[in-house]
Protein backbone atom coordinates (compact mmCIF):
# COMPACT_ATOMS: atom_id res chain seq x y z
CA MET A 1 -70.57 -4.08 -16.44
CA SER A 2 -69.03 -4.12 -13.02
CA VAL A 3 -68.03 -7.53 -11.58
CA SER A 4 -67.09 -8.10 -7.93
CA LEU A 5 -63.95 -10.25 -7.96
CA THR A 6 -64.21 -10.97 -4.24
CA GLY A 7 -67.51 -12.60 -4.82
CA ARG A 8 -66.14 -15.08 -7.34
CA VAL A 9 -62.79 -16.07 -5.70
CA THR A 10 -62.81 -18.91 -3.17
CA GLY A 11 -61.11 -18.70 0.23
CA LYS A 12 -58.58 -21.36 -0.86
CA THR A 13 -57.67 -19.30 -3.94
CA MET A 14 -57.29 -16.18 -1.83
CA SER A 15 -54.92 -18.06 0.48
CA ILE A 16 -52.78 -19.14 -2.47
CA VAL A 17 -52.71 -15.60 -3.85
CA SER A 18 -51.75 -14.22 -0.45
CA PHE A 19 -48.97 -16.78 -0.07
CA VAL A 20 -47.55 -15.95 -3.52
CA ALA A 21 -47.73 -12.24 -2.77
CA LEU A 22 -45.90 -12.82 0.49
CA LEU A 23 -43.12 -14.68 -1.33
CA ILE A 24 -42.77 -11.82 -3.80
CA PHE A 25 -42.89 -8.91 -1.40
CA LEU A 26 -41.22 -10.37 1.71
CA PRO A 27 -37.66 -9.80 0.43
CA LEU A 28 -38.55 -6.20 -0.40
CA LEU A 29 -40.04 -5.70 3.06
CA LEU A 30 -36.98 -7.20 4.71
CA LEU A 31 -34.68 -5.01 2.62
CA ALA A 32 -36.65 -1.90 3.55
CA ALA A 33 -36.53 -2.87 7.21
CA TYR A 34 -32.77 -3.47 7.02
CA GLN A 35 -32.16 -0.12 5.31
CA THR A 36 -34.31 1.65 7.88
CA ALA A 37 -32.43 -0.03 10.71
CA THR A 38 -29.12 0.92 9.11
CA ILE A 39 -30.17 4.56 8.77
CA ILE A 40 -31.35 4.67 12.38
CA SER A 41 -28.18 2.94 13.54
CA ARG A 42 -25.96 5.39 11.69
CA ALA A 43 -28.01 8.34 12.87
CA THR A 44 -27.71 7.19 16.47
CA GLY A 45 -24.09 6.01 16.32
CA LYS A 46 -21.87 6.69 19.28
CA PRO A 47 -19.91 9.95 19.12
CA GLY A 48 -16.37 10.04 20.40
CA ASP A 49 -15.51 11.33 23.87
CA ILE A 50 -11.77 10.84 24.05
CA ILE A 51 -9.91 10.53 27.35
CA VAL A 52 -6.13 10.11 27.45
CA ASP A 53 -4.52 9.24 30.76
CA ALA A 54 -1.08 10.85 30.60
CA SER A 55 0.07 8.88 33.66
CA VAL A 56 -0.46 5.47 32.00
CA VAL A 57 2.38 4.83 29.58
CA THR A 58 2.52 1.19 28.55
CA TYR A 59 5.49 -0.94 27.52
CA GLU A 60 3.92 -1.42 24.10
CA LYS A 61 5.98 0.22 21.39
CA ILE A 62 4.19 1.92 18.53
CA ASP A 63 6.27 1.36 15.40
CA PRO A 64 4.66 2.82 12.27
CA THR A 65 7.31 1.39 9.93
CA PHE A 66 5.16 -1.64 9.09
CA MET A 67 3.13 0.84 7.03
CA TYR A 68 6.16 2.00 5.04
CA ALA A 69 5.72 -0.71 2.43
CA PHE A 70 4.52 -0.03 -1.10
CA THR A 71 3.76 -2.08 -4.18
CA GLN A 72 3.31 -1.37 -7.86
CA GLY A 73 1.09 -3.19 -10.35
CA GLY A 74 1.73 -3.93 -13.99
CA GLU A 75 0.62 -0.67 -15.57
CA GLU A 76 3.90 0.11 -17.33
CA THR A 77 7.19 -1.55 -18.10
CA GLY A 78 10.72 -0.24 -17.67
CA ASN A 79 11.95 1.78 -14.72
CA TRP A 80 8.65 3.36 -13.73
CA LEU A 81 10.15 4.47 -10.39
CA LYS A 82 12.86 6.77 -11.72
CA PRO A 83 10.58 9.71 -12.75
CA VAL A 84 9.11 9.88 -9.22
CA GLN A 85 12.20 8.80 -7.31
CA GLN A 86 12.44 12.02 -5.30
CA GLU A 87 8.79 11.89 -4.22
CA VAL A 88 9.09 8.23 -3.26
CA ALA A 89 12.29 8.81 -1.28
CA SER A 90 10.43 11.41 0.81
CA LEU A 91 8.05 8.64 1.92
CA LYS A 92 11.04 6.85 3.51
CA PRO A 93 9.92 3.44 2.21
CA LYS A 94 11.19 0.33 3.93
CA TRP A 95 10.06 -2.14 1.25
CA ILE A 96 8.92 -1.78 -2.37
CA ARG A 97 7.29 -4.74 -4.09
CA ILE A 98 7.32 -5.38 -7.83
CA ASP A 99 5.71 -8.08 -9.98
CA HIS A 100 5.61 -8.95 -13.70
CA ILE A 101 9.38 -9.40 -13.62
CA TYR A 102 9.46 -12.24 -16.15
CA ASP A 103 6.94 -10.95 -18.69
CA PHE A 104 7.97 -7.26 -18.46
CA TYR A 105 11.75 -7.51 -18.32
CA ASP A 106 12.53 -10.31 -20.81
CA ILE A 107 14.85 -12.16 -18.44
CA VAL A 108 14.72 -15.73 -19.75
CA LYS A 109 15.87 -16.92 -23.18
CA ASN A 110 15.45 -20.43 -24.56
CA LYS A 111 17.64 -21.57 -27.42
CA GLY A 112 17.08 -25.18 -28.31
CA GLY A 113 16.12 -26.08 -24.77
CA ALA A 114 19.13 -24.33 -23.22
CA LEU A 115 18.09 -21.47 -20.92
CA SER A 116 20.05 -18.25 -20.58
CA PHE A 117 19.35 -15.25 -18.36
CA ASP A 118 19.63 -11.50 -18.90
CA PHE A 119 18.72 -9.22 -15.97
CA SER A 120 19.85 -5.99 -17.60
CA ARG A 121 16.28 -4.69 -18.01
CA LEU A 122 15.33 -5.55 -14.42
CA ASP A 123 18.42 -4.07 -12.80
CA PRO A 124 17.49 -0.37 -13.23
CA ILE A 125 14.26 -0.75 -11.24
CA ILE A 126 16.12 -2.72 -8.54
CA ASP A 127 18.73 0.05 -8.43
CA SER A 128 16.03 2.73 -8.07
CA ILE A 129 14.40 0.82 -5.22
CA ARG A 130 17.75 0.72 -3.44
CA ALA A 131 18.37 4.40 -4.20
CA VAL A 132 15.23 5.47 -2.29
CA GLY A 133 16.37 3.45 0.73
CA ALA A 134 14.06 0.45 0.31
CA THR A 135 14.57 -3.30 0.10
CA PRO A 136 12.96 -5.01 -2.90
CA VAL A 137 10.16 -7.50 -2.45
CA ILE A 138 9.91 -9.53 -5.64
CA SER A 139 6.84 -11.36 -6.84
CA LEU A 140 8.12 -14.29 -8.88
CA SER A 141 5.68 -13.73 -11.71
CA TYR A 142 4.62 -14.52 -14.31
CA MET A 143 5.81 -17.61 -16.17
CA PRO A 144 8.59 -16.64 -18.60
CA PRO A 145 7.19 -17.07 -22.14
CA ALA A 146 10.38 -18.95 -23.04
CA ILE A 147 9.35 -21.88 -20.78
CA ALA A 148 5.56 -21.47 -20.53
CA ARG A 149 3.11 -23.82 -22.19
CA ASP A 150 1.94 -22.19 -25.43
CA GLY A 151 4.11 -19.21 -24.48
CA ASN A 152 1.30 -18.00 -22.20
CA VAL A 153 2.61 -16.26 -19.07
CA ILE A 154 -0.20 -17.53 -16.83
CA ASN A 155 0.31 -21.17 -17.80
CA PRO A 156 2.48 -23.80 -16.09
CA PRO A 157 5.92 -24.42 -17.57
CA ILE A 158 6.53 -27.15 -20.11
CA ASN A 159 9.16 -28.52 -17.74
CA TRP A 160 8.84 -27.85 -14.02
CA ASN A 161 12.59 -28.07 -13.48
CA ASP A 162 12.97 -25.08 -15.81
CA TRP A 163 10.79 -23.06 -13.42
CA ALA A 164 13.00 -24.14 -10.51
CA LEU A 165 16.07 -23.00 -12.43
CA VAL A 166 14.48 -19.62 -13.21
CA VAL A 167 13.81 -19.02 -9.50
CA GLN A 168 17.32 -20.15 -8.58
CA LYS A 169 18.97 -17.79 -11.06
CA THR A 170 16.73 -14.88 -10.02
CA ILE A 171 17.66 -15.27 -6.36
CA GLU A 172 21.34 -15.69 -7.20
CA HIS A 173 21.27 -12.50 -9.26
CA VAL A 174 19.43 -10.29 -6.75
CA SER A 175 20.68 -11.78 -3.48
CA GLY A 176 23.89 -13.46 -4.63
CA SER A 177 27.42 -12.26 -4.02
CA SER A 178 28.12 -12.31 -7.76
CA GLY A 179 24.95 -10.29 -8.48
CA LYS A 180 23.28 -7.36 -6.71
CA ASN A 181 24.23 -8.91 -3.33
CA ILE A 182 21.15 -7.50 -1.54
CA SER A 183 20.32 -8.90 1.89
CA GLY A 184 16.80 -9.36 3.26
CA VAL A 185 14.94 -9.68 -0.05
CA TYR A 186 11.50 -11.30 0.13
CA TYR A 187 10.57 -13.51 -2.83
CA GLU A 188 6.85 -14.14 -3.20
CA VAL A 189 5.73 -17.06 -5.36
CA TRP A 190 3.36 -15.54 -7.95
CA ASN A 191 0.80 -12.76 -7.64
CA GLU A 192 -2.88 -13.49 -6.96
CA PRO A 193 -2.69 -17.05 -8.30
CA ASP A 194 -6.38 -17.61 -7.59
CA HIS A 195 -7.40 -14.71 -9.86
CA GLU A 196 -8.46 -15.83 -13.34
CA GLN A 197 -6.56 -12.93 -14.88
CA PHE A 198 -3.35 -14.34 -13.40
CA GLY A 199 -3.93 -17.99 -14.14
CA GLY A 200 -6.83 -19.20 -12.04
CA TRP A 201 -4.55 -21.60 -10.17
CA LYS A 202 -6.11 -24.13 -7.79
CA LEU A 203 -4.91 -26.37 -5.00
CA SER A 204 -5.10 -29.45 -7.20
CA GLY A 205 -5.26 -30.43 -10.86
CA GLU A 206 -3.13 -29.35 -13.79
CA LYS A 207 -2.68 -25.77 -12.59
CA ASN A 208 -1.82 -26.61 -9.00
CA TYR A 209 -0.34 -23.72 -7.03
CA LEU A 210 1.26 -26.17 -4.62
CA THR A 211 3.29 -27.61 -7.50
CA LEU A 212 4.23 -24.09 -8.62
CA TYR A 213 5.38 -23.31 -5.09
CA HIS A 214 7.20 -26.64 -4.63
CA TYR A 215 9.46 -26.08 -7.63
CA ALA A 216 10.05 -22.47 -6.63
CA ALA A 217 11.18 -23.75 -3.21
CA LYS A 218 13.39 -26.28 -4.97
CA GLY A 219 15.01 -23.50 -6.96
CA ALA A 220 15.48 -21.39 -3.82
CA SER A 221 17.20 -24.30 -2.07
CA GLN A 222 19.63 -24.62 -4.98
CA ALA A 223 20.62 -20.93 -4.95
CA LYS A 224 24.30 -20.60 -4.04
CA GLN A 225 26.41 -17.93 -2.33
CA THR A 226 23.53 -15.65 -1.44
CA GLN A 227 22.75 -13.17 1.26
CA GLN A 228 19.89 -13.99 3.62
CA PHE A 229 16.54 -14.03 1.80
CA ALA A 230 12.97 -15.21 2.41
CA LEU A 231 10.56 -17.24 0.27
CA GLY A 232 6.81 -17.31 0.76
CA GLY A 233 3.27 -16.92 -0.52
CA PRO A 234 0.55 -17.60 -1.53
CA ALA A 235 -0.25 -13.92 -2.36
CA THR A 236 -3.93 -14.68 -2.92
CA THR A 237 -6.63 -12.07 -3.57
CA GLY A 238 -7.74 -12.43 0.05
CA LEU A 239 -6.94 -14.40 3.19
CA TYR A 240 -8.21 -17.93 2.55
CA LYS A 241 -7.84 -20.70 5.10
CA ASP A 242 -7.54 -23.57 2.62
CA TRP A 243 -4.71 -21.85 0.72
CA ILE A 244 -2.79 -21.12 3.92
CA ILE A 245 -3.22 -24.58 5.45
CA LYS A 246 -2.55 -26.54 2.26
CA LEU A 247 0.62 -24.54 1.68
CA ILE A 248 1.81 -25.12 5.24
CA GLU A 249 1.12 -28.84 4.96
CA THR A 250 3.39 -29.24 1.91
CA GLY A 251 6.45 -29.19 4.14
CA ASP A 252 8.23 -26.96 1.62
CA ARG A 253 10.34 -24.03 2.72
CA ILE A 254 8.04 -21.21 3.83
CA ASP A 255 9.63 -18.14 5.40
CA PHE A 256 6.56 -15.91 5.36
CA LEU A 257 2.85 -15.98 4.54
CA SER A 258 1.25 -13.37 2.32
CA TRP A 259 -2.10 -12.33 0.95
CA HIS A 260 -3.95 -9.26 -0.36
CA SER A 261 -6.67 -7.34 1.45
CA TYR A 262 -9.13 -5.04 -0.28
CA LEU A 263 -11.51 -4.33 2.59
CA LEU A 264 -13.74 -1.29 2.92
CA GLU A 265 -14.09 -1.54 6.70
CA PRO A 266 -10.80 -1.11 8.61
CA THR A 267 -12.11 -3.28 11.45
CA ARG A 268 -11.88 -6.30 9.13
CA PHE A 269 -8.09 -6.18 9.20
CA PRO A 270 -7.53 -7.23 12.83
CA GLN A 271 -10.14 -9.95 12.39
CA ASP A 272 -8.01 -11.44 9.62
CA GLN A 273 -5.00 -11.36 11.93
CA ARG A 274 -6.92 -13.24 14.60
CA ASN A 275 -8.19 -15.74 12.03
CA ILE A 276 -4.81 -16.69 10.63
CA THR A 277 -3.37 -17.09 14.11
CA SER A 278 -6.18 -19.46 15.09
CA TRP A 279 -5.76 -21.46 11.87
CA LEU A 280 -2.05 -21.94 12.50
CA LEU A 281 -2.33 -23.06 16.14
CA PRO A 282 -2.28 -26.77 15.13
CA TYR A 283 1.00 -26.02 13.30
CA PRO A 284 3.26 -24.64 16.06
CA ASN A 285 6.26 -24.17 13.78
CA SER A 286 4.21 -21.85 11.56
CA VAL A 287 2.38 -19.67 14.08
CA LEU A 288 5.16 -17.10 14.28
CA LEU A 289 5.89 -16.91 10.56
CA PRO A 290 6.02 -13.27 9.39
CA LYS A 291 2.77 -12.10 7.79
CA LEU A 292 2.88 -9.75 4.80
CA ILE A 293 -0.21 -8.15 3.29
CA THR A 294 1.44 -7.44 -0.03
CA GLU A 295 -1.43 -5.36 -1.46
CA TYR A 296 -4.17 -3.49 0.35
CA GLY A 297 -6.77 -0.81 -0.21
CA PHE A 298 -10.48 -0.16 0.21
CA THR A 299 -11.28 -1.53 -3.24
CA GLY A 300 -9.35 -3.38 -5.90
CA THR A 301 -10.99 -1.41 -8.70
CA LYS A 302 -9.99 2.08 -9.77
CA ASP A 303 -11.97 4.62 -7.80
CA PRO A 304 -11.97 8.45 -7.59
CA ARG A 305 -11.86 8.17 -3.78
CA TYR A 306 -8.18 7.23 -4.11
CA ALA A 307 -7.60 10.91 -4.94
CA GLN A 308 -9.80 12.23 -2.12
CA PRO A 309 -9.49 12.66 1.67
CA PHE A 310 -11.47 9.42 1.99
CA SER A 311 -8.24 7.53 1.20
CA SER A 312 -6.11 9.33 3.79
CA ALA A 313 -8.67 8.82 6.58
CA TYR A 314 -8.99 5.18 5.54
CA THR A 315 -5.22 4.66 5.66
CA ALA A 316 -4.92 6.21 9.11
CA SER A 317 -7.86 4.13 10.32
CA VAL A 318 -6.26 0.90 9.09
CA PHE A 319 -3.04 1.91 10.87
CA ARG A 320 -5.02 2.44 14.06
CA GLN A 321 -6.56 -1.05 13.73
CA LEU A 322 -3.28 -2.87 13.02
CA VAL A 323 -0.86 -1.01 15.27
CA SER A 324 -1.12 -3.87 17.78
CA GLY A 325 -0.73 -7.44 16.56
CA GLY A 326 -0.67 -6.47 12.91
CA PRO A 327 1.37 -7.87 10.02
CA MET A 328 5.10 -7.41 9.64
CA ALA A 329 4.38 -5.25 6.59
CA LEU A 330 1.29 -3.73 4.99
CA PHE A 331 1.91 -2.83 1.33
CA THR A 332 -0.07 0.08 -0.04
CA PHE A 333 -1.29 -0.50 -3.58
CA GLN A 334 0.10 1.39 -5.34
CA LEU A 335 2.94 3.92 -5.45
CA LYS A 336 2.05 5.81 -8.61
CA ASP A 337 -0.63 5.91 -11.28
CA GLY A 338 -0.08 4.38 -14.66
CA PRO A 339 -0.15 6.59 -17.75
CA GLY A 340 -3.40 8.04 -19.05
CA GLN A 341 -5.15 8.36 -15.69
CA GLU A 342 -5.52 12.10 -15.49
CA LYS A 343 -9.16 11.83 -14.42
CA GLY A 344 -7.92 10.85 -10.96
CA ASP A 345 -9.31 7.38 -10.35
CA GLY A 346 -5.95 5.57 -10.31
CA TRP A 347 -4.68 3.69 -7.28
CA GLY A 348 -1.45 5.66 -6.92
CA LEU A 349 -0.28 7.85 -4.07
CA ILE A 350 1.50 9.85 -6.76
CA GLY A 351 0.10 10.82 -10.14
CA HIS A 352 1.90 9.73 -13.27
CA GLU A 353 4.66 12.05 -14.42
CA SER A 354 2.75 12.73 -17.65
CA GLY A 355 0.13 14.45 -15.50
CA GLY A 356 2.53 16.34 -13.25
CA ARG A 357 3.35 13.85 -10.43
CA THR A 358 0.41 15.03 -8.32
CA LEU A 359 0.69 14.11 -4.65
CA LYS A 360 -2.65 12.75 -3.46
CA PRO A 361 -4.05 13.04 0.10
CA ARG A 362 -2.97 9.48 0.99
CA TYR A 363 0.65 10.43 0.27
CA TYR A 364 0.70 12.83 3.23
CA VAL A 365 -0.57 10.37 5.85
CA TYR A 366 2.81 8.68 6.26
CA SER A 367 4.58 11.75 7.67
CA LEU A 368 1.87 11.92 10.36
CA LEU A 369 2.15 8.22 11.15
CA SER A 370 5.91 8.50 11.66
CA ARG A 371 5.36 11.03 14.45
CA MET A 372 3.29 8.50 16.41
CA ALA A 373 6.34 6.38 17.25
CA GLY A 374 6.78 5.87 20.97
CA ASN A 375 5.22 4.06 23.92
CA ARG A 376 1.49 3.66 23.80
CA GLU A 377 -0.61 5.68 26.24
CA LEU A 378 -4.03 4.71 27.52
CA LEU A 379 -6.83 6.15 25.36
CA ALA A 380 -10.55 5.57 25.93
CA GLY A 381 -13.85 6.89 24.62
CA GLN A 382 -13.63 6.04 20.93
CA GLY A 383 -16.86 6.32 19.01
CA THR A 384 -18.55 4.86 15.96
CA TRP A 385 -16.67 7.12 13.58
CA VAL A 386 -13.94 8.88 15.56
CA THR A 387 -11.14 6.60 16.73
CA GLY A 388 -7.79 7.47 18.20
CA LEU A 389 -4.33 6.45 19.28
CA ALA A 390 -1.98 8.03 21.84
CA SER A 391 1.76 7.68 22.36
CA LYS A 392 4.52 9.27 24.40
CA GLN A 393 8.11 9.88 23.43
CA ASN A 394 10.64 12.22 25.05
CA ASN A 395 7.99 13.81 27.33
CA THR A 396 5.75 14.61 24.36
CA THR A 397 2.27 13.13 24.22
CA ARG A 398 0.90 12.66 20.71
CA ILE A 399 -2.71 11.87 19.90
CA MET A 400 -3.99 10.93 16.48
CA LEU A 401 -7.74 11.23 15.95
CA ILE A 402 -9.38 9.83 12.82
CA ASN A 403 -12.89 10.48 11.59
CA PHE A 404 -13.54 7.79 8.99
CA ASP A 405 -17.02 7.11 7.66
CA SER A 406 -16.99 4.38 5.03
CA SER A 407 -20.44 5.13 3.68
CA GLY A 408 -21.13 8.78 4.28
CA ASN A 409 -19.92 12.19 5.37
CA HIS A 410 -20.22 12.14 9.13
CA THR A 411 -18.95 15.23 10.94
CA GLU A 412 -18.74 15.77 14.68
CA THR A 413 -17.11 17.86 17.39
CA THR A 414 -15.28 15.48 19.68
CA PRO A 415 -14.42 16.30 23.30
CA ILE A 416 -10.92 15.28 24.32
CA THR A 417 -9.57 15.29 27.87
CA ILE A 418 -5.96 14.64 28.81
CA THR A 419 -5.87 13.68 32.47
CA ASN A 420 -3.24 13.25 35.22
CA LEU A 421 -0.98 15.98 33.91
CA PRO A 422 1.44 17.76 36.23
CA ASN A 423 0.33 21.35 36.57
CA GLY A 424 2.32 23.82 34.56
CA THR A 425 2.72 25.39 31.14
CA TYR A 426 2.53 23.23 28.04
CA GLY A 427 3.10 23.67 24.38
CA TYR A 428 0.08 22.49 22.39
CA SER A 429 -0.09 21.95 18.63
CA GLN A 430 -2.52 20.38 16.20
CA GLN A 431 -2.39 19.67 12.49
CA TYR A 432 -5.26 18.59 10.24
CA LEU A 433 -5.23 16.42 7.17
CA GLN A 434 -8.70 16.90 5.80
CA SER A 435 -8.26 18.03 2.21
CA THR A 436 -5.70 17.44 -0.49
CA ILE A 437 -2.73 18.64 1.60
CA PRO A 438 -2.05 18.88 5.35
CA GLY A 439 -3.07 22.07 7.10
CA GLU A 440 -0.56 24.30 8.87
CA ILE A 441 0.54 23.29 12.35
CA GLN A 442 -1.36 25.43 14.85
CA GLU A 443 0.64 26.09 18.02
CA ARG A 444 -0.21 27.76 21.31
CA MET A 445 0.62 27.68 25.01
CA GLU A 446 -1.73 26.04 27.51
CA SER A 447 -1.77 26.42 31.28
CA VAL A 448 -2.74 23.32 33.27
CA THR A 449 -3.95 24.07 36.81
CA ASP A 450 -6.21 21.10 37.66
CA HIS A 451 -4.09 18.29 36.24
CA SER A 452 -6.11 18.06 33.04
CA LEU A 453 -6.53 19.70 29.67
CA LYS A 454 -9.86 19.72 27.82
CA LYS A 455 -10.50 20.54 24.18
CA GLN A 456 -13.37 20.42 21.70
CA ILE A 457 -11.98 19.11 18.42
CA TYR A 458 -13.92 19.70 15.24
CA MET A 459 -13.63 16.58 13.09
CA PRO A 460 -14.78 17.16 9.50
CA ALA A 461 -15.77 14.19 7.40
CA GLN A 462 -12.84 11.92 6.47
CA SER A 463 -10.28 13.87 8.49
CA VAL A 464 -7.17 13.11 10.51
CA ILE A 465 -5.71 15.34 13.21
CA LEU A 466 -2.44 15.02 15.08
CA ILE A 467 -2.20 16.68 18.50
CA GLU A 468 1.04 17.18 20.42
CA LEU A 469 1.37 18.25 24.06
CA TYR A 470 4.65 18.80 25.88
CA PRO A 471 5.94 20.65 28.95
CA VAL A 472 7.65 23.80 27.75
CA SER A 473 10.73 22.95 29.82
CA HIS A 474 11.05 19.55 28.10
CA ARG A 475 10.54 20.40 24.44
CA GLN A 476 12.17 17.70 22.28
């Protein structure tokens, strides 16, 4: 028998049913609307139309060396750098950061409460860092088992003064005249203290990072006969206002501030720089402290994109965002893959030697960045995906264009116009980085008769191109 439900349900009941249905389906409707808007937005994003005014050369210096900083995680002990020393030296690194020094290199011994120190296992990695032309940046981590509560390396020490002594002896060995005697070493107190894997430290309570830092600063102040060095932190998993401010307010010695940034969108990086500056304004003595991003990438998890052109376009895009007002140093995580990562999802710029020391696309970005040194030129017309940077040095104009699409495979042909050029003959070259290795440099002669040069540049997905233009009579 057929029964009409509408005939038996009251208006009040129908209202209740409708309200419940709305509660259930409204989030789905909103999500669908958001996704539709996102698709439309991406489909109608602004293409690039690049204009470089060759007559406007600013006083701003482009110095890519802040990018020549690299860090290595705890994937293997010993001198992991030596097997790839030649490849690393070719990167011309300025700084190399290491952590796990106390739990990987067995530095601290405790015999009946008397501490002794043996740096013989750490020294080879320090020597390799120096051999490739870099200065070590040392994360003072983790707690030496010889002084840690329960022998656990992420616990506080049994005696805080022992921790101060460990820091003192470390600085005296690396920076001291009777040790390695290295000037300009940065010592970072711990690594990602807020991460549960590395201790889950807080800003109060039994595992208080501020106490950890205080005794590290005490040890640093007691270090004798040393070269100039810097102490800082907090090396958190991200930039967090409470960690920065609470650390500043301790009054302890702080020579630099540091944090990690795993951000998919390159535009987030300059926002962090603006944020920390605004936070520090009430603390005038701290505003100009050096800022170090001691680990960065587009994700903190292993990802096959680290072995793809995505990573090289991302790196160039981050450089473009931070070239003005950026940190003193931006440390790429990491230099090389750990063992057993042949499937290609490791963080390294260089594959592990057991897999042939493969050079990944991100490795090749740095040689392009180095060529952008010079005075900044005026560049306009950047789009949603294609961004750019222009510089001039020794009569040569260089333009870097980057097509980075964080969530897709956008491709476009981008017009570029270089204006206000003296008429004459110019050498023109362009080089792509769009696959696993850079393309060949393509060179030709161009005749300028109306004070401008126009090109149509094909920008494949996740690509970088470097353009150079110079008068043939002034080739440098």
